[in-house]
């Protein structure tokens, strides 16, 4: 593992409680991503929202998004705005890593403001093609953190089409499809005494949810960004769009 990749994986493992699909858990699957965003935004503050449709296809994502900013790291050609995958519309951000690339490819979505403890709800649409390595979504401390831009919890979309939390194979849950769009929600609840994350997969061919106790609490309390990335030694690509983070 190279130095940059080790930095992104610098997390202290917590404990996970896996929740299998039940009728109550499946209710969220019937809702569209747009409906979820509308429901969440009605009772909170949007701290990040992507605006890829106004970005140029073939160029990196614009630093300034609808809300918040984006920073790209790694090979300059590794993260570019692309057209939609099959059966979808609009512009997407494509994150890729080649076998020749020494660095990792990260797209950091930095919140527009630091709001401290509370519940942060992430929604996003993903497309992961067959044969691609691990796609990862993580929460980090943001620019105001001490230290800044350190991840404290991350979710790996594994080659066996399950999701793993913080590199712990015992946390693997759910299933997601290859070669078609699916959606995720991650709710991060941070208080003065603990932090928990709840992840839900939904859409055709996607199902499952899990709760996870996030540590260290001191880093979670400084949450300020969400990253989408592909780390060493994985190669391939994936696409993401409709990224929204709301603080409730």
Foldseek 3Di string as FASTA:
>chain_A
DDPQVVQQLPADAFDWDWDFDDPVQCVVQVDDLVVVVVVQVVPFAWFFWADLLPPDFQAAGAQDGPHFGKDKDFPRNQWGWHADAPPDGGIWIKGFDDQPTPFWIKIKGFTNDWDFFFKKKKKKKKAAAQPFAKKKKFWFLDVVDVVHPGTHKMWICHNVQWIDISPDPVNTWWGDDHRDMWMKMWMWGADPPWIKIKMFTHDVGTGTIMMGTTDDNSTVRNTTIMMIIDGPPTGDMMIMHRIIMTGD
